[in-house]
């Protein structure tokens, strides 16, 4: 069986947004320790490469790239109230995007069926011309664009299960029918977007699916959403690539979220995505680290997802019934998207 690739590097420690900032270098330190313990017969560590300016500008304006680069001249620079850079942040940002692109290149070349890019800073809040929410460049959106331009991908699924809505990713593909963007997120919550009525525009109408969840949702609610909304929608779309914005801040221990997901819940969500990759994309699936700010919860949840990447396909984990308290929400999302079926 082909090994699973894991992208991680000591260089990701160099981005330092300041004392007491949740998106701290210790997040990667915990995952470096996890990576060192992985079974070499099943996993292969893959070194990142820096992204090129042209690759970044597949999704971002040249002015935005130049602004982030200019922050390399000062010890700390606040791009917004949450998004702080240091002298090394621009280079680490290029390496975060390039690490994910390196993973996609290796999967496209048939070296691996799947993999997980354990990089920082996260990316899904970054807009075409604006950094926000700890994010400098939108790594997963750039990955989707590169797949379409360089690897002949026709239909790309971006599944975002971070506790925060991936507003930047949504914006970049809002009118694009070749990318199906699905987000489960706590709502209302930062960044304030992601209502169920946000479904795309123009040719992309119906290709954005938002599942805004109330605080307190746990494994059962998430698995109900996957069973009733996400899996049917993906089967209709039939992607030839699957990309997962894997944030772990919906974990019950996370200080920035208000959800109750456990390691078992993340495992089941990953397994659902892997089953769909086996069904539609010849197992071409790549996971990308987004949020997750309790170090033990982050390490254990990533370990659980990595374990799922090594399981044989065909095991049905979606046996949990949808919690009754969110069934009206599920029905509402289904009603909104009924005309796009």
Protein backbone atom coordinates (compact mmCIF):
# COMPACT_ATOMS: atom_id res chain seq x y z
CA UNK A 1 0.00 0.00 0.00
CA UNK A 2 1.30 3.45 -0.92
CA UNK A 3 2.52 5.49 2.03
CA UNK A 4 0.73 8.54 3.35
CA UNK A 5 2.69 11.78 3.01
CA UNK A 6 3.05 14.20 5.93
CA UNK A 7 4.43 17.68 5.29
CA UNK A 8 5.98 19.34 8.33
CA UNK A 9 9.13 21.31 9.04
CA UNK A 10 10.98 23.13 11.81
CA UNK A 11 10.79 26.32 9.73
CA UNK A 12 7.11 26.67 10.59
CA UNK A 13 8.18 27.54 14.14
CA UNK A 14 9.66 30.84 12.92
CA UNK A 15 6.34 32.65 12.45
CA UNK A 16 5.79 34.41 15.79
CA UNK A 17 2.72 36.65 16.09
CA UNK A 18 3.51 37.61 19.68
CA UNK A 19 3.26 36.49 23.28
CA UNK A 20 -0.09 34.94 24.24
CA UNK A 21 -1.27 34.75 20.63
CA UNK A 22 -3.34 31.58 20.08
CA UNK A 23 -1.67 30.78 16.75
CA UNK A 24 1.66 30.13 18.40
CA UNK A 25 4.73 28.13 17.34
CA UNK A 26 3.98 25.49 19.97
CA UNK A 27 1.19 24.23 17.72
CA UNK A 28 3.76 22.94 15.25
CA UNK A 29 6.14 21.87 18.00
CA UNK A 30 3.49 19.45 19.29
CA UNK A 31 2.97 18.09 15.78
CA UNK A 32 6.71 17.76 15.13
CA UNK A 33 6.84 15.46 18.15
CA UNK A 34 3.91 13.49 16.73
CA UNK A 35 5.55 13.26 13.30
CA UNK A 36 8.75 11.91 14.85
CA UNK A 37 6.76 9.01 16.29
CA UNK A 38 5.02 7.95 13.07
CA UNK A 39 5.55 4.48 11.63
CA UNK A 40 7.99 4.85 8.76
CA UNK A 41 6.48 1.89 6.95
CA UNK A 42 3.15 3.73 6.68
CA UNK A 43 4.07 7.42 6.60
CA UNK A 44 6.71 9.43 4.79
CA UNK A 45 7.72 12.92 5.87
CA UNK A 46 7.80 15.24 2.89
CA UNK A 47 9.87 18.44 3.02
CA UNK A 48 8.11 21.63 1.92
CA UNK A 49 9.21 24.10 -0.69
CA UNK A 50 8.46 27.81 -0.82
CA UNK A 51 5.64 28.84 -3.10
CA UNK A 52 6.48 31.14 -5.97
CA UNK A 53 5.03 34.60 -6.27
CA UNK A 54 3.11 33.47 -9.37
CA UNK A 55 1.53 30.64 -7.39
CA UNK A 56 0.46 33.00 -4.59
CA UNK A 57 -0.94 35.44 -7.14
CA UNK A 58 -3.21 32.72 -8.51
CA UNK A 59 -5.52 33.85 -5.69
CA UNK A 60 -4.08 37.07 -4.26
CA UNK A 61 -3.39 40.50 -5.69
CA UNK A 62 0.21 41.56 -6.27
CA UNK A 63 -0.43 44.45 -3.89
CA UNK A 64 -1.42 42.08 -1.09
CA UNK A 65 1.67 39.94 -1.62
CA UNK A 66 3.86 43.05 -1.59
CA UNK A 67 2.25 44.29 1.64
CA UNK A 68 2.89 41.00 3.46
CA UNK A 69 6.44 40.94 2.11
CA UNK A 70 7.03 44.48 3.36
CA UNK A 71 6.36 43.38 6.94
CA UNK A 72 9.66 41.48 6.84
CA UNK A 73 11.36 44.78 7.60
CA UNK A 74 9.96 45.08 11.11
CA UNK A 75 9.88 42.92 14.21
CA UNK A 76 6.10 42.95 14.45
CA UNK A 77 3.42 44.35 12.16
CA UNK A 78 -0.35 44.18 12.67
CA UNK A 79 -2.13 43.48 9.39
CA UNK A 80 -5.31 43.51 11.47
CA UNK A 81 -6.13 43.10 15.16
CA UNK A 82 -5.61 39.33 15.02
CA UNK A 83 -3.08 38.88 12.23
CA UNK A 84 0.42 39.83 13.34
CA UNK A 85 3.65 39.21 11.45
CA UNK A 86 7.31 39.15 12.38
CA UNK A 87 10.41 39.39 10.19
CA UNK A 88 10.14 35.71 9.22
CA UNK A 89 6.39 35.54 8.60
CA UNK A 90 6.44 36.24 4.87
CA UNK A 91 8.94 33.46 4.25
CA UNK A 92 7.05 31.05 6.49
CA UNK A 93 3.83 31.97 4.68
CA UNK A 94 5.43 31.06 1.35
CA UNK A 95 6.60 27.78 2.88
CA UNK A 96 3.12 27.01 4.21
CA UNK A 97 1.58 27.39 0.76
CA UNK A 98 4.50 25.63 -0.91
CA UNK A 99 4.31 22.76 1.56
CA UNK A 100 0.72 22.10 0.56
CA UNK A 101 1.55 22.43 -3.13
CA UNK A 102 4.42 19.96 -2.68
CA UNK A 103 1.93 17.50 -1.21
CA UNK A 104 -0.49 17.99 -4.12
CA UNK A 105 2.33 17.52 -6.64
CA UNK A 106 3.36 14.25 -5.00
CA UNK A 107 -0.22 12.94 -4.97
CA UNK A 108 -0.74 14.01 -8.59
CA UNK A 109 2.43 12.15 -9.56
CA UNK A 110 1.13 8.97 -7.95
CA UNK A 111 3.79 8.91 -5.22
CA UNK A 112 1.06 8.94 -2.53
CA UNK A 113 -2.69 8.42 -2.47
CA UNK A 114 -3.24 10.94 0.26
CA UNK A 115 -1.50 13.13 2.79
CA UNK A 116 -1.67 15.81 5.45
CA UNK A 117 0.14 19.16 5.31
CA UNK A 118 0.88 20.21 8.90
CA UNK A 119 1.78 23.81 8.19
CA UNK A 120 1.23 27.25 9.69
CA UNK A 121 0.04 29.94 9.56
CA UNK A 122 -3.48 28.84 8.58
CA UNK A 123 -5.06 30.28 5.46
CA UNK A 124 -8.81 29.98 4.97
CA UNK A 125 -9.71 33.51 6.15
CA UNK A 126 -7.27 35.25 3.79
CA UNK A 127 -9.14 37.18 1.10
CA UNK A 128 -7.75 38.10 -2.34
CA UNK A 129 -6.41 41.43 -1.08
CA UNK A 130 -6.57 41.11 2.70
CA UNK A 131 -4.98 39.08 5.48
CA UNK A 132 -7.26 38.30 8.40
CA UNK A 133 -8.01 35.84 11.17
CA UNK A 134 -4.36 34.72 11.64
CA UNK A 135 -4.15 33.99 7.87
CA UNK A 136 -1.68 35.57 5.44
CA UNK A 137 -2.29 33.58 2.24
CA UNK A 138 -5.19 31.28 1.43
CA UNK A 139 -3.29 28.02 1.12
CA UNK A 140 -6.17 25.73 0.24
CA UNK A 141 -7.59 28.10 -2.36
CA UNK A 142 -4.19 28.42 -4.01
CA UNK A 143 -3.95 24.63 -3.99
CA UNK A 144 -7.29 24.31 -5.77
CA UNK A 145 -6.24 26.83 -8.41
CA UNK A 146 -2.92 25.10 -9.02
CA UNK A 147 -4.68 21.74 -9.37
CA UNK A 148 -6.93 23.18 -12.05
CA UNK A 149 -4.18 25.02 -13.91
CA UNK A 150 -1.28 22.57 -13.66
CA UNK A 151 -2.90 19.19 -13.02
CA UNK A 152 -6.04 19.30 -15.19
CA UNK A 153 -8.45 19.04 -12.28
CA UNK A 154 -12.00 19.65 -13.51
CA UNK A 155 -13.98 19.47 -10.27
CA UNK A 156 -12.38 20.20 -6.90
CA UNK A 157 -14.14 19.78 -3.56
CA UNK A 158 -12.98 22.00 -0.70
CA UNK A 159 -14.41 20.72 2.57
CA UNK A 160 -13.85 23.08 5.53
CA UNK A 161 -14.66 21.74 9.00
CA UNK A 162 -12.85 24.44 10.99
CA UNK A 163 -15.01 25.98 13.73
CA UNK A 164 -14.76 29.33 11.91
CA UNK A 165 -16.27 29.91 8.47
CA UNK A 166 -13.71 29.89 5.65
CA UNK A 167 -14.81 33.24 4.27
CA UNK A 168 -11.71 33.79 2.14
CA UNK A 169 -12.03 30.44 0.40
CA UNK A 170 -15.72 31.02 -0.21
CA UNK A 171 -15.07 34.44 -1.72
CA UNK A 172 -12.47 33.14 -4.14
CA UNK A 173 -14.78 30.50 -5.63
CA UNK A 174 -18.20 32.05 -5.11
CA UNK A 175 -18.96 32.30 -8.83
CA UNK A 176 -16.99 29.22 -9.89
CA UNK A 177 -18.87 25.96 -10.64
CA UNK A 178 -15.67 23.92 -10.86
CA UNK A 179 -15.06 24.20 -7.09
CA UNK A 180 -17.64 22.95 -4.59
CA UNK A 181 -17.02 24.70 -1.28
CA UNK A 182 -18.69 23.19 1.80
CA UNK A 183 -18.27 24.61 5.29
CA UNK A 184 -19.48 23.46 8.70
CA UNK A 185 -18.91 26.16 11.30
CA UNK A 186 -20.16 27.69 14.52
CA UNK A 187 -22.65 30.46 13.74
CA UNK A 188 -23.01 33.28 14.51
CA UNK A 189 -19.30 33.58 15.21
CA UNK A 190 -16.14 35.02 13.70
CA UNK A 191 -15.90 36.14 10.88
CA UNK A 192 -19.67 36.63 10.68
CA UNK A 193 -20.15 35.05 7.27
CA UNK A 194 -21.40 31.60 6.31
CA UNK A 195 -25.18 31.83 6.51
CA UNK A 196 -27.06 29.01 4.82
CA UNK A 197 -28.42 31.45 2.22
CA UNK A 198 -24.88 32.12 0.94
CA UNK A 199 -24.96 29.64 -1.96
CA UNK A 200 -22.75 31.17 -4.64
CA UNK A 201 -23.42 33.58 -7.49
CA UNK A 202 -23.76 33.47 -11.27
CA UNK A 203 -22.42 30.25 -12.72
CA UNK A 204 -21.34 29.25 -9.22
CA UNK A 205 -24.80 29.43 -7.69
CA UNK A 206 -25.41 26.22 -5.79
CA UNK A 207 -21.70 25.37 -5.53
CA UNK A 208 -21.30 26.90 -2.06
CA UNK A 209 -22.92 24.98 0.80
CA UNK A 210 -22.81 26.50 4.26
CA UNK A 211 -23.96 24.57 7.32
CA UNK A 212 -24.06 27.16 10.14
CA UNK A 213 -24.23 25.26 13.43
CA UNK A 214 -25.19 26.52 16.88
CA UNK A 215 -22.65 26.36 19.67
CA UNK A 216 -22.55 23.09 21.55
CA UNK A 217 -22.77 20.75 18.57
CA UNK A 218 -20.79 17.55 19.07
CA UNK A 219 -20.01 14.33 17.21
CA UNK A 220 -23.62 13.27 16.65
CA UNK A 221 -24.66 16.59 15.13
CA UNK A 222 -21.63 16.74 12.86
CA UNK A 223 -22.09 13.18 11.65
CA UNK A 224 -25.74 13.87 10.97
CA UNK A 225 -24.73 16.84 8.82
CA UNK A 226 -22.19 14.72 6.96
CA UNK A 227 -24.70 11.95 6.38
CA UNK A 228 -27.65 14.08 5.32
CA UNK A 229 -26.03 17.07 3.57
CA UNK A 230 -22.36 16.69 2.77
CA UNK A 231 -22.06 13.14 1.47
CA UNK A 232 -25.08 13.44 -0.88
CA UNK A 233 -23.86 16.80 -2.20
CA UNK A 234 -20.37 15.47 -2.90
CA UNK A 235 -21.79 12.40 -4.64
CA UNK A 236 -23.77 14.69 -6.90
CA UNK A 237 -20.72 16.85 -7.65
CA UNK A 238 -18.35 13.89 -8.27
CA UNK A 239 -15.02 15.62 -7.58
CA UNK A 240 -11.76 14.46 -9.11
CA UNK A 241 -9.83 16.02 -6.19
CA UNK A 242 -10.79 16.46 -2.54
CA UNK A 243 -9.12 19.07 -0.33
CA UNK A 244 -9.93 19.35 3.37
CA UNK A 245 -9.43 22.49 5.45
CA UNK A 246 -8.94 20.53 8.65
CA UNK A 247 -9.28 22.85 11.61
CA UNK A 248 -9.50 21.24 15.03
CA UNK A 249 -10.93 24.19 16.95
CA UNK A 250 -14.37 22.52 17.01
CA UNK A 251 -12.82 20.16 19.59
CA UNK A 252 -14.52 20.16 22.98
CA UNK A 253 -11.33 21.42 24.66
CA UNK A 254 -10.49 24.24 22.26
CA UNK A 255 -10.32 27.71 23.88
CA UNK A 256 -11.52 29.58 20.77
CA UNK A 257 -14.53 27.45 19.88
CA UNK A 258 -17.77 26.48 21.53
CA UNK A 259 -18.31 23.03 20.06
CA UNK A 260 -18.03 19.53 21.51
CA UNK A 261 -16.35 17.44 18.81
CA UNK A 262 -14.01 14.68 20.02
CA UNK A 263 -11.20 12.79 18.34
CA UNK A 264 -13.74 10.13 17.35
CA UNK A 265 -15.82 12.76 15.58
CA UNK A 266 -12.87 14.05 13.57
CA UNK A 267 -11.97 10.46 12.69
CA UNK A 268 -15.47 9.82 11.37
CA UNK A 269 -15.47 13.03 9.32
CA UNK A 270 -12.09 12.12 7.84
CA UNK A 271 -13.33 8.63 7.07
CA UNK A 272 -16.35 10.07 5.25
CA UNK A 273 -14.03 12.15 3.07
CA UNK A 274 -11.76 9.19 2.42
CA UNK A 275 -14.72 7.06 1.34
CA UNK A 276 -15.74 9.77 -1.12
CA UNK A 277 -12.16 9.99 -2.41
CA UNK A 278 -12.17 6.24 -2.96
CA UNK A 279 -15.48 6.54 -4.80
CA UNK A 280 -14.77 9.54 -7.03
CA UNK A 281 -11.19 10.85 -7.05
CA UNK A 282 -9.03 7.73 -7.20
CA UNK A 283 -8.05 8.46 -3.58
CA UNK A 284 -6.62 11.88 -4.48
CA UNK A 285 -7.28 13.67 -1.21
CA UNK A 286 -5.15 16.11 0.78
CA UNK A 287 -5.74 17.47 4.28
CA UNK A 288 -4.46 20.89 5.34
CA UNK A 289 -4.11 22.11 8.91
CA UNK A 290 -6.14 25.21 9.72
CA UNK A 291 -7.11 26.03 13.33
CA UNK A 292 -6.84 24.14 16.60
CA UNK A 293 -5.45 25.86 19.68
CA UNK A 294 -5.48 23.37 22.55
CA UNK A 295 -2.15 21.60 22.06
CA UNK A 296 -3.15 18.19 23.39
CA UNK A 297 -6.45 18.21 21.52
CA UNK A 298 -4.66 19.28 18.33
CA UNK A 299 -2.02 16.55 18.60
CA UNK A 300 -4.50 13.81 19.42
CA UNK A 301 -6.99 14.86 16.75
CA UNK A 302 -4.33 15.04 14.04
CA UNK A 303 -3.05 11.63 15.13
CA UNK A 304 -6.56 10.21 14.82
CA UNK A 305 -7.01 11.62 11.31
CA UNK A 306 -3.59 10.30 10.26
CA UNK A 307 -4.66 6.89 11.53
CA UNK A 308 -7.76 7.07 9.33
CA UNK A 309 -5.61 7.82 6.28
CA UNK A 310 -4.07 4.37 6.73
CA UNK A 311 -7.34 2.43 7.07
CA UNK A 312 -8.70 0.39 4.16
CA UNK A 313 -11.64 2.11 2.47
CA UNK A 314 -15.14 0.77 2.71
CA UNK A 315 -15.82 1.00 6.45
CA UNK A 316 -18.98 2.97 7.16
CA UNK A 317 -18.47 5.33 10.08
CA UNK A 318 -21.59 7.41 9.45
CA UNK A 319 -23.85 5.41 11.72
CA UNK A 320 -24.68 8.14 14.21
CA UNK A 321 -28.15 9.59 13.80
CA UNK A 322 -28.49 13.35 13.41
CA UNK A 323 -29.24 15.00 16.72
CA UNK A 324 -32.88 16.00 16.81
CA UNK A 325 -32.10 19.55 17.91
CA UNK A 326 -30.41 20.41 14.59
CA UNK A 327 -32.71 18.43 12.28
CA UNK A 328 -34.62 21.64 11.37
CA UNK A 329 -31.28 23.24 10.44
CA UNK A 330 -30.39 20.27 8.23
CA UNK A 331 -33.81 20.43 6.60
CA UNK A 332 -33.40 24.16 6.03
CA UNK A 333 -30.07 23.78 4.26
CA UNK A 334 -31.50 20.97 2.12
CA UNK A 335 -34.50 23.14 1.24
CA UNK A 336 -32.27 26.02 0.15
CA UNK A 337 -30.26 23.77 -2.14
CA UNK A 338 -33.15 21.67 -3.46
CA UNK A 339 -33.36 23.67 -6.69
CA UNK A 340 -29.69 22.98 -7.46
CA UNK A 341 -30.03 19.19 -7.35
